[in-house]
N, C-alpha and C. Protein backbone atom coordinates (compact mmCIF):
# COMPACT_ATOMS: atom_id res chain seq x y z
N GLN A 1 -27.37 10.14 -2.37
CA GLN A 1 -27.22 9.68 -0.99
C GLN A 1 -25.76 9.36 -0.72
N VAL A 2 -25.23 9.90 0.37
CA VAL A 2 -23.85 9.63 0.75
C VAL A 2 -23.73 8.19 1.24
N GLN A 3 -22.73 7.50 0.77
CA GLN A 3 -22.45 6.13 1.21
C GLN A 3 -21.26 6.15 2.16
N LEU A 4 -21.35 5.38 3.24
CA LEU A 4 -20.26 5.29 4.20
C LEU A 4 -19.96 3.82 4.48
N ALA A 5 -18.69 3.51 4.70
CA ALA A 5 -18.28 2.14 4.96
C ALA A 5 -17.24 2.13 6.07
N GLU A 6 -17.57 1.48 7.18
CA GLU A 6 -16.66 1.37 8.32
C GLU A 6 -15.81 0.11 8.23
N SER A 7 -14.65 0.19 8.85
CA SER A 7 -13.78 -0.98 8.98
C SER A 7 -12.88 -0.76 10.18
N GLY A 8 -12.22 -1.84 10.61
CA GLY A 8 -11.23 -1.73 11.68
C GLY A 8 -11.69 -2.26 13.03
N GLY A 9 -12.93 -2.72 13.12
CA GLY A 9 -13.38 -3.27 14.38
C GLY A 9 -12.71 -4.59 14.71
N GLY A 10 -12.90 -5.03 15.95
CA GLY A 10 -12.31 -6.29 16.37
C GLY A 10 -12.36 -6.43 17.87
N SER A 11 -11.57 -7.36 18.38
CA SER A 11 -11.52 -7.61 19.81
C SER A 11 -10.19 -7.12 20.36
N VAL A 12 -10.24 -6.54 21.54
CA VAL A 12 -9.04 -6.01 22.17
C VAL A 12 -9.17 -6.14 23.67
N GLN A 13 -8.06 -6.26 24.36
CA GLN A 13 -8.07 -6.34 25.81
C GLN A 13 -8.20 -4.94 26.42
N PRO A 14 -8.69 -4.85 27.65
CA PRO A 14 -8.73 -3.53 28.32
C PRO A 14 -7.35 -2.89 28.33
N GLY A 15 -7.35 -1.59 28.04
CA GLY A 15 -6.09 -0.86 27.92
C GLY A 15 -5.53 -0.84 26.53
N GLY A 16 -6.09 -1.64 25.63
CA GLY A 16 -5.59 -1.73 24.27
C GLY A 16 -6.14 -0.63 23.37
N SER A 17 -5.77 -0.72 22.09
CA SER A 17 -6.13 0.31 21.11
C SER A 17 -6.68 -0.32 19.84
N LEU A 18 -7.53 0.44 19.16
CA LEU A 18 -8.02 0.11 17.84
C LEU A 18 -8.18 1.40 17.04
N ARG A 19 -8.07 1.30 15.73
CA ARG A 19 -8.35 2.44 14.87
C ARG A 19 -9.42 2.06 13.87
N LEU A 20 -10.52 2.76 13.92
CA LEU A 20 -11.60 2.56 12.98
C LEU A 20 -11.46 3.53 11.80
N SER A 21 -11.88 3.07 10.64
CA SER A 21 -11.86 3.90 9.44
C SER A 21 -13.27 3.99 8.86
N CYS A 22 -13.59 5.14 8.30
CA CYS A 22 -14.88 5.34 7.65
C CYS A 22 -14.61 5.99 6.29
N VAL A 23 -14.84 5.23 5.23
CA VAL A 23 -14.67 5.77 3.88
C VAL A 23 -15.99 6.40 3.45
N VAL A 24 -15.93 7.65 3.06
CA VAL A 24 -17.12 8.41 2.66
C VAL A 24 -17.13 8.52 1.14
N SER A 25 -18.27 8.28 0.52
CA SER A 25 -18.32 8.18 -0.94
C SER A 25 -18.09 9.49 -1.65
N GLU A 26 -18.28 10.60 -0.97
CA GLU A 26 -18.15 11.89 -1.63
C GLU A 26 -17.71 12.96 -0.65
N TYR A 27 -17.00 13.94 -1.21
CA TYR A 27 -16.63 15.11 -0.42
C TYR A 27 -17.54 16.23 -0.91
N SER A 28 -18.67 16.37 -0.24
CA SER A 28 -19.70 17.28 -0.74
C SER A 28 -20.36 17.99 0.42
N ALA A 29 -21.28 18.88 0.09
CA ALA A 29 -22.00 19.61 1.12
C ALA A 29 -22.77 18.67 2.04
N ASN A 30 -23.16 17.51 1.51
CA ASN A 30 -23.94 16.56 2.32
C ASN A 30 -23.11 15.74 3.28
N SER A 31 -21.80 15.92 3.22
CA SER A 31 -20.93 15.11 4.10
C SER A 31 -19.88 15.96 4.78
N ARG A 32 -20.20 17.24 5.04
CA ARG A 32 -19.24 18.11 5.72
C ARG A 32 -19.01 17.68 7.16
N CYS A 33 -20.06 17.25 7.84
CA CYS A 33 -19.93 16.73 9.19
C CYS A 33 -19.95 15.21 9.13
N VAL A 34 -18.95 14.58 9.71
CA VAL A 34 -18.91 13.12 9.84
C VAL A 34 -18.69 12.81 11.31
N ALA A 35 -19.45 11.85 11.80
CA ALA A 35 -19.37 11.53 13.22
C ALA A 35 -19.40 10.03 13.43
N TRP A 36 -18.92 9.62 14.58
CA TRP A 36 -18.99 8.23 15.03
C TRP A 36 -20.02 8.13 16.15
N PHE A 37 -20.83 7.10 16.05
CA PHE A 37 -21.80 6.75 17.08
C PHE A 37 -21.58 5.30 17.45
N ARG A 38 -22.13 4.87 18.56
CA ARG A 38 -22.02 3.47 18.96
C ARG A 38 -23.30 3.03 19.65
N GLN A 39 -23.53 1.74 19.56
CA GLN A 39 -24.70 1.17 20.21
C GLN A 39 -24.34 -0.19 20.77
N ALA A 40 -24.48 -0.33 22.08
CA ALA A 40 -24.25 -1.60 22.75
C ALA A 40 -25.56 -2.36 22.85
N PRO A 41 -25.51 -3.68 22.97
CA PRO A 41 -26.73 -4.48 23.08
C PRO A 41 -27.62 -4.00 24.22
N GLY A 42 -28.90 -3.76 23.94
CA GLY A 42 -29.84 -3.36 24.97
C GLY A 42 -29.77 -1.90 25.35
N LYS A 43 -28.93 -1.14 24.67
CA LYS A 43 -28.78 0.28 24.99
C LYS A 43 -29.10 1.13 23.77
N GLY A 44 -29.36 2.40 24.01
CA GLY A 44 -29.60 3.31 22.92
C GLY A 44 -28.31 3.73 22.23
N ARG A 45 -28.46 4.30 21.04
CA ARG A 45 -27.30 4.77 20.31
C ARG A 45 -26.79 6.07 20.95
N GLU A 46 -25.48 6.20 21.02
CA GLU A 46 -24.90 7.40 21.61
C GLU A 46 -23.77 7.93 20.74
N GLY A 47 -23.61 9.25 20.80
CA GLY A 47 -22.55 9.88 20.04
C GLY A 47 -21.20 9.66 20.68
N VAL A 48 -20.17 9.59 19.85
CA VAL A 48 -18.81 9.37 20.32
C VAL A 48 -17.93 10.56 19.96
N ALA A 49 -17.84 10.87 18.68
CA ALA A 49 -16.99 11.97 18.24
C ALA A 49 -17.44 12.45 16.87
N GLY A 50 -17.27 13.76 16.59
CA GLY A 50 -17.63 14.33 15.30
C GLY A 50 -16.55 15.27 14.81
N ILE A 51 -16.50 15.45 13.48
CA ILE A 51 -15.48 16.31 12.89
C ILE A 51 -16.04 17.07 11.71
N ASN A 52 -15.65 18.33 11.59
CA ASN A 52 -15.94 19.13 10.41
C ASN A 52 -14.82 18.86 9.41
N ARG A 53 -15.17 18.33 8.23
CA ARG A 53 -14.15 17.88 7.30
C ARG A 53 -13.42 19.04 6.62
N ILE A 54 -13.97 20.22 6.68
CA ILE A 54 -13.28 21.37 6.09
C ILE A 54 -12.31 21.98 7.10
N PHE A 55 -12.83 22.36 8.26
CA PHE A 55 -12.04 23.10 9.24
C PHE A 55 -11.33 22.21 10.25
N GLY A 56 -11.75 20.97 10.37
CA GLY A 56 -11.11 20.06 11.30
C GLY A 56 -11.59 20.18 12.73
N ASN A 57 -12.59 21.03 12.99
CA ASN A 57 -13.12 21.16 14.36
C ASN A 57 -13.68 19.83 14.82
N THR A 58 -13.46 19.50 16.08
CA THR A 58 -13.89 18.21 16.60
C THR A 58 -14.77 18.38 17.83
N ALA A 59 -15.54 17.34 18.12
CA ALA A 59 -16.38 17.29 19.32
C ALA A 59 -16.37 15.86 19.83
N TYR A 60 -16.38 15.72 21.15
CA TYR A 60 -16.29 14.39 21.77
C TYR A 60 -17.33 14.23 22.88
N ALA A 61 -17.78 13.00 23.05
CA ALA A 61 -18.56 12.68 24.23
C ALA A 61 -17.64 12.68 25.44
N ASP A 62 -18.18 13.06 26.58
CA ASP A 62 -17.36 13.12 27.79
C ASP A 62 -16.73 11.77 28.12
N SER A 63 -17.42 10.71 27.80
CA SER A 63 -16.95 9.37 28.16
C SER A 63 -15.70 8.94 27.41
N VAL A 64 -15.37 9.64 26.32
CA VAL A 64 -14.21 9.23 25.52
C VAL A 64 -13.14 10.31 25.43
N LYS A 65 -13.40 11.48 25.99
CA LYS A 65 -12.41 12.55 25.93
C LYS A 65 -11.10 12.12 26.56
N GLY A 66 -10.00 12.42 25.86
CA GLY A 66 -8.69 12.05 26.35
C GLY A 66 -8.27 10.65 25.97
N ARG A 67 -9.20 9.84 25.46
CA ARG A 67 -8.87 8.47 25.04
C ARG A 67 -9.05 8.26 23.55
N PHE A 68 -10.05 8.88 22.97
CA PHE A 68 -10.36 8.72 21.55
C PHE A 68 -9.99 9.99 20.79
N THR A 69 -9.56 9.82 19.54
CA THR A 69 -9.25 10.95 18.68
C THR A 69 -9.87 10.73 17.31
N ILE A 70 -10.63 11.71 16.84
CA ILE A 70 -11.20 11.66 15.50
C ILE A 70 -10.35 12.52 14.57
N SER A 71 -10.11 12.03 13.36
CA SER A 71 -9.31 12.78 12.40
C SER A 71 -9.82 12.47 11.00
N ARG A 72 -9.31 13.24 10.00
CA ARG A 72 -9.75 12.98 8.63
C ARG A 72 -8.60 13.10 7.66
N ASP A 73 -8.72 12.38 6.56
CA ASP A 73 -7.81 12.48 5.43
C ASP A 73 -8.71 12.74 4.22
N ASN A 74 -8.87 14.01 3.88
CA ASN A 74 -9.81 14.36 2.81
C ASN A 74 -9.34 13.84 1.45
N GLY A 75 -8.05 13.68 1.28
CA GLY A 75 -7.55 13.14 0.02
C GLY A 75 -7.99 11.70 -0.22
N LYS A 76 -8.23 11.00 0.88
CA LYS A 76 -8.70 9.61 0.80
C LYS A 76 -10.17 9.48 1.18
N ASN A 77 -10.85 10.62 1.39
CA ASN A 77 -12.26 10.60 1.78
C ASN A 77 -12.50 9.68 2.98
N THR A 78 -11.61 9.74 3.94
CA THR A 78 -11.68 8.82 5.08
C THR A 78 -11.63 9.61 6.39
N VAL A 79 -12.45 9.16 7.33
CA VAL A 79 -12.44 9.68 8.69
C VAL A 79 -12.04 8.54 9.62
N PHE A 80 -11.17 8.83 10.55
CA PHE A 80 -10.64 7.81 11.46
C PHE A 80 -11.12 8.06 12.89
N LEU A 81 -11.16 6.98 13.65
CA LEU A 81 -11.39 7.09 15.09
C LEU A 81 -10.32 6.24 15.77
N GLN A 82 -9.35 6.91 16.36
CA GLN A 82 -8.30 6.23 17.13
C GLN A 82 -8.78 6.07 18.56
N MET A 83 -8.84 4.83 19.01
CA MET A 83 -9.34 4.53 20.35
C MET A 83 -8.21 3.94 21.17
N ASN A 84 -7.84 4.63 22.23
CA ASN A 84 -6.76 4.19 23.12
C ASN A 84 -7.28 3.95 24.52
N ASN A 85 -6.53 3.20 25.30
CA ASN A 85 -6.89 2.95 26.70
C ASN A 85 -8.34 2.51 26.81
N MET A 86 -8.68 1.54 26.02
CA MET A 86 -10.07 1.11 25.91
C MET A 86 -10.52 0.35 27.15
N ILE A 87 -11.82 0.45 27.42
CA ILE A 87 -12.43 -0.19 28.58
C ILE A 87 -13.60 -1.05 28.11
N PRO A 88 -14.03 -2.01 28.93
CA PRO A 88 -15.16 -2.86 28.50
C PRO A 88 -16.40 -2.07 28.11
N GLY A 89 -16.60 -0.91 28.72
CA GLY A 89 -17.74 -0.07 28.38
C GLY A 89 -17.71 0.48 26.97
N ASP A 90 -16.56 0.36 26.29
CA ASP A 90 -16.48 0.81 24.90
C ASP A 90 -17.00 -0.24 23.91
N SER A 91 -17.30 -1.43 24.41
CA SER A 91 -17.80 -2.50 23.54
C SER A 91 -19.14 -2.11 22.94
N ALA A 92 -19.23 -2.16 21.62
CA ALA A 92 -20.46 -1.76 20.93
C ALA A 92 -20.26 -1.95 19.44
N THR A 93 -21.34 -1.76 18.70
CA THR A 93 -21.22 -1.61 17.26
C THR A 93 -21.03 -0.13 16.98
N TYR A 94 -19.99 0.19 16.23
CA TYR A 94 -19.65 1.58 15.93
C TYR A 94 -20.10 1.91 14.51
N TYR A 95 -20.77 3.04 14.39
CA TYR A 95 -21.29 3.50 13.11
C TYR A 95 -20.71 4.88 12.78
N CYS A 96 -20.44 5.11 11.52
CA CYS A 96 -20.14 6.49 11.12
C CYS A 96 -21.34 7.03 10.35
N ALA A 97 -21.50 8.35 10.42
CA ALA A 97 -22.66 9.01 9.85
C ALA A 97 -22.24 10.36 9.29
N ALA A 98 -23.00 10.87 8.34
CA ALA A 98 -22.67 12.15 7.70
C ALA A 98 -23.90 13.03 7.56
N ARG A 99 -23.68 14.33 7.60
CA ARG A 99 -24.75 15.30 7.39
C ARG A 99 -24.17 16.60 6.84
N LYS A 100 -25.05 17.50 6.46
CA LYS A 100 -24.63 18.83 6.03
C LYS A 100 -24.11 19.63 7.22
N PHE A 101 -23.23 20.56 6.91
CA PHE A 101 -22.75 21.50 7.91
C PHE A 101 -23.74 22.65 8.00
N ASP A 102 -24.22 22.95 9.21
CA ASP A 102 -25.26 23.97 9.38
C ASP A 102 -24.74 25.23 10.04
N GLY A 103 -23.43 25.34 10.14
CA GLY A 103 -22.84 26.52 10.74
C GLY A 103 -22.44 26.32 12.19
N GLY A 104 -22.96 25.29 12.82
CA GLY A 104 -22.61 24.99 14.19
C GLY A 104 -21.59 23.86 14.26
N PRO A 105 -21.23 23.44 15.46
CA PRO A 105 -20.28 22.32 15.57
C PRO A 105 -20.91 21.01 15.11
N CYS A 106 -20.05 20.10 14.69
CA CYS A 106 -20.51 18.77 14.30
C CYS A 106 -20.64 17.95 15.58
N SER A 107 -21.63 18.30 16.35
CA SER A 107 -21.76 17.76 17.70
C SER A 107 -22.29 16.33 17.67
N VAL A 108 -22.12 15.68 18.80
CA VAL A 108 -22.58 14.30 18.97
C VAL A 108 -23.32 14.18 20.30
N ASP A 109 -24.14 15.16 20.61
CA ASP A 109 -24.79 15.22 21.91
C ASP A 109 -25.93 14.22 22.07
N GLY A 110 -26.50 13.76 20.99
CA GLY A 110 -27.65 12.85 21.07
C GLY A 110 -27.40 11.58 20.28
N PRO A 111 -28.47 10.90 19.90
CA PRO A 111 -28.34 9.64 19.17
C PRO A 111 -28.09 9.80 17.68
N GLY A 112 -28.01 11.03 17.21
CA GLY A 112 -27.66 11.25 15.82
C GLY A 112 -28.84 11.29 14.85
N ASN A 113 -30.01 11.62 15.32
CA ASN A 113 -31.19 11.66 14.44
C ASN A 113 -31.06 12.71 13.33
N GLU A 114 -30.15 13.69 13.53
CA GLU A 114 -29.97 14.73 12.52
C GLU A 114 -29.02 14.29 11.40
N TYR A 115 -28.45 13.10 11.51
CA TYR A 115 -27.56 12.58 10.50
C TYR A 115 -28.35 11.65 9.56
N PRO A 116 -28.49 12.01 8.27
CA PRO A 116 -29.32 11.21 7.37
C PRO A 116 -28.60 10.01 6.73
N SER A 117 -27.27 10.03 6.73
CA SER A 117 -26.52 8.97 6.04
C SER A 117 -25.71 8.17 7.05
N TRP A 118 -25.78 6.85 6.93
CA TRP A 118 -25.16 5.95 7.91
C TRP A 118 -24.47 4.78 7.20
N GLY A 119 -23.39 4.32 7.86
CA GLY A 119 -22.76 3.09 7.42
C GLY A 119 -23.41 1.89 8.08
N GLN A 120 -22.86 0.71 7.77
CA GLN A 120 -23.45 -0.54 8.27
C GLN A 120 -22.95 -0.90 9.67
N GLY A 121 -21.86 -0.30 10.10
CA GLY A 121 -21.35 -0.55 11.43
C GLY A 121 -20.21 -1.56 11.46
N THR A 122 -19.39 -1.46 12.51
CA THR A 122 -18.31 -2.40 12.75
C THR A 122 -18.28 -2.71 14.23
N GLN A 123 -18.09 -3.99 14.57
CA GLN A 123 -18.19 -4.45 15.94
C GLN A 123 -16.87 -4.27 16.68
N VAL A 124 -16.96 -3.74 17.89
CA VAL A 124 -15.79 -3.58 18.76
C VAL A 124 -16.09 -4.27 20.09
N THR A 125 -15.18 -5.13 20.52
CA THR A 125 -15.33 -5.84 21.79
C THR A 125 -14.08 -5.64 22.62
N VAL A 126 -14.28 -5.19 23.85
CA VAL A 126 -13.17 -4.99 24.79
C VAL A 126 -13.38 -5.96 25.95
N SER A 127 -12.50 -6.93 26.04
CA SER A 127 -12.68 -7.96 27.04
C SER A 127 -11.35 -8.63 27.34
N SER A 128 -11.19 -9.05 28.60
CA SER A 128 -10.00 -9.79 28.97
C SER A 128 -10.24 -11.29 28.83
């Protein structure tokens, strides 16, 4: 089972930035796709951004395009989520997740039910 550990959450004012990190326990077929999801209180889980760790292809939710950037450092088995120009609507618990690469994009169109491995989450609060 792939293990994932998130860090980097915290509180930030609107317009501010945070960088989340996700350390993945292995660089294997079971962790070719790594994605970030988030869940706010009282809401369902939603996809934020995904990346193919081999080719670097990325996918983003419309709500974060142009503000968030997902990247990876395979030498450190880490995937990052750089969040800029943050808004209160970005407040949530952020989770990273991993799955096998199936030949398609590492999309984040739904709540991530196709991702079998999950981290514990890190809290992000955007407030003035």
